[in-house]
Amino acid sequence: MLWLFSQMFLLCLASFAVGVLVTWLSVRNRLQPERPKTRLALPAPRPAAEQVVIAEQPVAPKHPAPEPLPVKGNSKTMVYHTPDSPYYRRMKGDMAFGSEAEAVSAGYRMWTTKGRIKA
């Protein structure tokens, strides 16, 4: 019985040693300290006499911002919204029209609320 116990003990000890060795080999590269990264050399600062002062001038925009068009359209639902619509502000609108006539000619229909739908 002692012989069987010693055989099992040696088998467990050997498997533990193999596990430790495999773990150590896989983690060995991570334990080495990282090499410091090379840094680029910065130019030496200019002496005070050579420093150039640039005066800031207000920059006027080259092109004025276009005014938003008053009619917004949703191309998925084919519905357009005017400024009178309660949904106008929160609607992003992927189409914009200059007037309701343009929206209607493009195939869009006017917005409606549930109360305005006729039976």
C-alpha atoms as a PDB file:
ATOM      1  CA  MET A   1       0.000   0.000   0.000  1.00  0.00           C
ATOM      2  CA  LEU A   2       2.882   2.325   0.771  1.00  0.00           C
ATOM      3  CA  TRP A   3       4.296   1.556  -2.648  1.00  0.00           C
ATOM      4  CA  LEU A   4       1.043   2.663  -4.369  1.00  0.00           C
ATOM      5  CA  PHE A   5       0.893   5.845  -2.298  1.00  0.00           C
ATOM      6  CA  SER A   6       4.490   6.757  -3.187  1.00  0.00           C
ATOM      7  CA  GLN A   7       3.828   6.094  -6.890  1.00  0.00           C
ATOM      8  CA  MET A   8       0.776   8.437  -6.835  1.00  0.00           C
ATOM      9  CA  PHE A   9       2.724  11.053  -4.916  1.00  0.00           C
ATOM     10  CA  LEU A  10       5.564  11.023  -7.462  1.00  0.00           C
ATOM     11  CA  LEU A  11       3.063  11.172 -10.358  1.00  0.00           C
ATOM     12  CA  CYS A  12       1.342  14.244  -8.834  1.00  0.00           C
ATOM     13  CA  LEU A  13       4.687  15.875  -8.085  1.00  0.00           C
ATOM     14  CA  ALA A  14       5.869  15.348 -11.682  1.00  0.00           C
ATOM     15  CA  SER A  15       2.641  16.735 -13.186  1.00  0.00           C
ATOM     16  CA  PHE A  16       2.841  19.773 -10.878  1.00  0.00           C
ATOM     17  CA  ALA A  17       6.457  20.391 -11.945  1.00  0.00           C
ATOM     18  CA  VAL A  18       5.512  20.170 -15.631  1.00  0.00           C
ATOM     19  CA  GLY A  19       2.639  22.640 -15.072  1.00  0.00           C
ATOM     20  CA  VAL A  20       4.948  25.093 -13.312  1.00  0.00           C
ATOM     21  CA  LEU A  21       7.498  24.823 -16.113  1.00  0.00           C
ATOM     22  CA  VAL A  22       4.915  25.400 -18.873  1.00  0.00           C
ATOM     23  CA  THR A  23       3.437  28.392 -17.022  1.00  0.00           C
ATOM     24  CA  TRP A  24       6.853  29.910 -16.396  1.00  0.00           C
ATOM     25  CA  LEU A  25       7.850  29.524 -20.060  1.00  0.00           C
ATOM     26  CA  SER A  26       4.667  31.229 -21.276  1.00  0.00           C
ATOM     27  CA  VAL A  27       4.925  34.137 -18.796  1.00  0.00           C
ATOM     28  CA  ARG A  28       8.698  34.564 -18.999  1.00  0.00           C
ATOM     29  CA  ASN A  29       8.597  37.135 -21.807  1.00  0.00           C
ATOM     30  CA  ARG A  30       6.068  39.308 -19.995  1.00  0.00           C
ATOM     31  CA  LEU A  31       8.201  39.536 -16.862  1.00  0.00           C
ATOM     32  CA  GLN A  32      11.145  41.154 -18.644  1.00  0.00           C
ATOM     33  CA  PRO A  33      11.215  44.930 -18.232  1.00  0.00           C
ATOM     34  CA  GLU A  34      10.184  46.898 -21.293  1.00  0.00           C
ATOM     35  CA  ARG A  35      12.893  48.635 -23.194  1.00  0.00           C
ATOM     36  CA  PRO A  36      12.565  52.402 -23.051  1.00  0.00           C
ATOM     37  CA  LYS A  37      11.157  53.897 -26.220  1.00  0.00           C
ATOM     38  CA  THR A  38      13.454  56.124 -28.174  1.00  0.00           C
ATOM     39  CA  ARG A  39      12.453  59.746 -28.039  1.00  0.00           C
ATOM     40  CA  LEU A  40      12.856  62.191 -30.851  1.00  0.00           C
ATOM     41  CA  ALA A  41      15.216  65.055 -30.210  1.00  0.00           C
ATOM     42  CA  LEU A  42      13.455  68.416 -29.984  1.00  0.00           C
ATOM     43  CA  PRO A  43      15.017  71.519 -31.503  1.00  0.00           C
ATOM     44  CA  ALA A  44      16.734  73.855 -29.103  1.00  0.00           C
ATOM     45  CA  PRO A  45      14.580  76.790 -27.956  1.00  0.00           C
ATOM     46  CA  ARG A  46      15.187  80.079 -29.716  1.00  0.00           C
ATOM     47  CA  PRO A  47      16.869  82.871 -27.832  1.00  0.00           C
ATOM     48  CA  ALA A  48      14.555  85.705 -26.778  1.00  0.00           C
ATOM     49  CA  ALA A  49      15.894  88.061 -29.469  1.00  0.00           C
ATOM     50  CA  GLU A  50      14.926  85.690 -32.290  1.00  0.00           C
ATOM     51  CA  GLN A  51      11.368  85.006 -31.189  1.00  0.00           C
ATOM     52  CA  VAL A  52       8.803  86.239 -33.659  1.00  0.00           C
ATOM     53  CA  VAL A  53       5.566  87.728 -32.406  1.00  0.00           C
ATOM     54  CA  ILE A  54       2.618  87.254 -34.723  1.00  0.00           C
ATOM     55  CA  ALA A  55      -0.252  89.668 -34.296  1.00  0.00           C
ATOM     56  CA  GLU A  56      -3.612  87.959 -34.434  1.00  0.00           C
ATOM     57  CA  GLN A  57      -6.041  89.485 -36.864  1.00  0.00           C
ATOM     58  CA  PRO A  58      -9.721  88.621 -36.903  1.00  0.00           C
ATOM     59  CA  VAL A  59     -10.405  86.264 -39.753  1.00  0.00           C
ATOM     60  CA  ALA A  60     -13.595  86.934 -41.669  1.00  0.00           C
ATOM     61  CA  PRO A  61     -15.336  83.863 -43.067  1.00  0.00           C
ATOM     62  CA  LYS A  62     -14.764  83.522 -46.791  1.00  0.00           C
ATOM     63  CA  HIS A  63     -18.245  82.266 -47.509  1.00  0.00           C
ATOM     64  CA  PRO A  64     -21.230  83.306 -45.416  1.00  0.00           C
ATOM     65  CA  ALA A  65     -23.159  80.416 -43.934  1.00  0.00           C
ATOM     66  CA  PRO A  66     -26.134  79.508 -46.122  1.00  0.00           C
ATOM     67  CA  GLU A  67     -29.511  80.228 -44.609  1.00  0.00           C
ATOM     68  CA  PRO A  68     -31.429  77.082 -43.741  1.00  0.00           C
ATOM     69  CA  LEU A  69     -34.265  76.306 -46.081  1.00  0.00           C
ATOM     70  CA  PRO A  70     -37.711  76.606 -44.491  1.00  0.00           C
ATOM     71  CA  VAL A  71     -39.055  73.171 -45.470  1.00  0.00           C
ATOM     72  CA  LYS A  72     -37.502  69.918 -44.199  1.00  0.00           C
ATOM     73  CA  GLY A  73     -38.239  66.550 -45.780  1.00  0.00           C
ATOM     74  CA  ASN A  74     -37.825  62.954 -44.640  1.00  0.00           C
ATOM     75  CA  SER A  75     -36.905  60.733 -47.584  1.00  0.00           C
ATOM     76  CA  LYS A  76     -37.964  57.500 -45.818  1.00  0.00           C
ATOM     77  CA  THR A  77     -41.542  58.580 -45.133  1.00  0.00           C
ATOM     78  CA  MET A  78     -41.756  61.112 -48.004  1.00  0.00           C
ATOM     79  CA  VAL A  79     -43.248  63.696 -45.609  1.00  0.00           C
ATOM     80  CA  TYR A  80     -42.223  67.357 -45.450  1.00  0.00           C
ATOM     81  CA  HIS A  81     -42.475  69.647 -42.423  1.00  0.00           C
ATOM     82  CA  THR A  82     -42.953  73.420 -42.421  1.00  0.00           C
ATOM     83  CA  PRO A  83     -42.086  75.768 -39.539  1.00  0.00           C
ATOM     84  CA  ASP A  84     -45.747  75.461 -38.466  1.00  0.00           C
ATOM     85  CA  SER A  85     -45.256  71.748 -37.762  1.00  0.00           C
ATOM     86  CA  PRO A  86     -44.884  70.750 -34.093  1.00  0.00           C
ATOM     87  CA  TYR A  87     -42.177  68.310 -35.222  1.00  0.00           C
ATOM     88  CA  TYR A  88     -40.167  70.883 -37.199  1.00  0.00           C
ATOM     89  CA  ARG A  89     -37.545  71.660 -34.525  1.00  0.00           C
ATOM     90  CA  ARG A  90     -36.790  68.083 -33.489  1.00  0.00           C
ATOM     91  CA  MET A  91     -36.804  66.725 -37.034  1.00  0.00           C
ATOM     92  CA  LYS A  92     -33.379  66.542 -38.662  1.00  0.00           C
ATOM     93  CA  GLY A  93     -34.633  66.191 -42.199  1.00  0.00           C
ATOM     94  CA  ASP A  94     -32.348  64.720 -44.824  1.00  0.00           C
ATOM     95  CA  MET A  95     -33.904  66.842 -47.600  1.00  0.00           C
ATOM     96  CA  ALA A  96     -34.441  70.596 -47.669  1.00  0.00           C
ATOM     97  CA  PHE A  97     -36.725  72.574 -49.916  1.00  0.00           C
ATOM     98  CA  GLY A  98     -37.128  76.295 -50.528  1.00  0.00           C
ATOM     99  CA  SER A  99     -40.930  76.124 -50.561  1.00  0.00           C
ATOM    100  CA  GLU A 100     -43.827  73.733 -50.156  1.00  0.00           C
ATOM    101  CA  ALA A 101     -44.333  73.705 -53.926  1.00  0.00           C
ATOM    102  CA  GLU A 102     -40.834  72.272 -54.416  1.00  0.00           C
ATOM    103  CA  ALA A 103     -41.534  69.544 -51.862  1.00  0.00           C
ATOM    104  CA  VAL A 104     -44.841  68.603 -53.489  1.00  0.00           C
ATOM    105  CA  SER A 105     -43.260  68.526 -56.954  1.00  0.00           C
ATOM    106  CA  ALA A 106     -40.579  66.169 -55.564  1.00  0.00           C
ATOM    107  CA  GLY A 107     -43.323  63.749 -54.459  1.00  0.00           C
ATOM    108  CA  TYR A 108     -43.485  64.586 -50.748  1.00  0.00           C
ATOM    109  CA  ARG A 109     -46.730  65.010 -48.808  1.00  0.00           C
ATOM    110  CA  MET A 110     -47.475  67.502 -46.028  1.00  0.00           C
ATOM    111  CA  TRP A 111     -47.131  66.521 -42.369  1.00  0.00           C
ATOM    112  CA  THR A 112     -50.263  65.596 -40.419  1.00  0.00           C
ATOM    113  CA  THR A 113     -51.107  64.930 -36.803  1.00  0.00           C
ATOM    114  CA  LYS A 114     -53.427  62.140 -35.712  1.00  0.00           C
ATOM    115  CA  GLY A 115     -56.222  64.667 -35.157  1.00  0.00           C
ATOM    116  CA  ARG A 116     -55.976  65.966 -38.735  1.00  0.00           C
ATOM    117  CA  ILE A 117     -56.349  62.616 -40.453  1.00  0.00           C
ATOM    118  CA  LYS A 118     -59.792  62.280 -42.055  1.00  0.00           C
ATOM    119  CA  ALA A 119     -61.659  59.020 -41.689  1.00  0.00           C
END
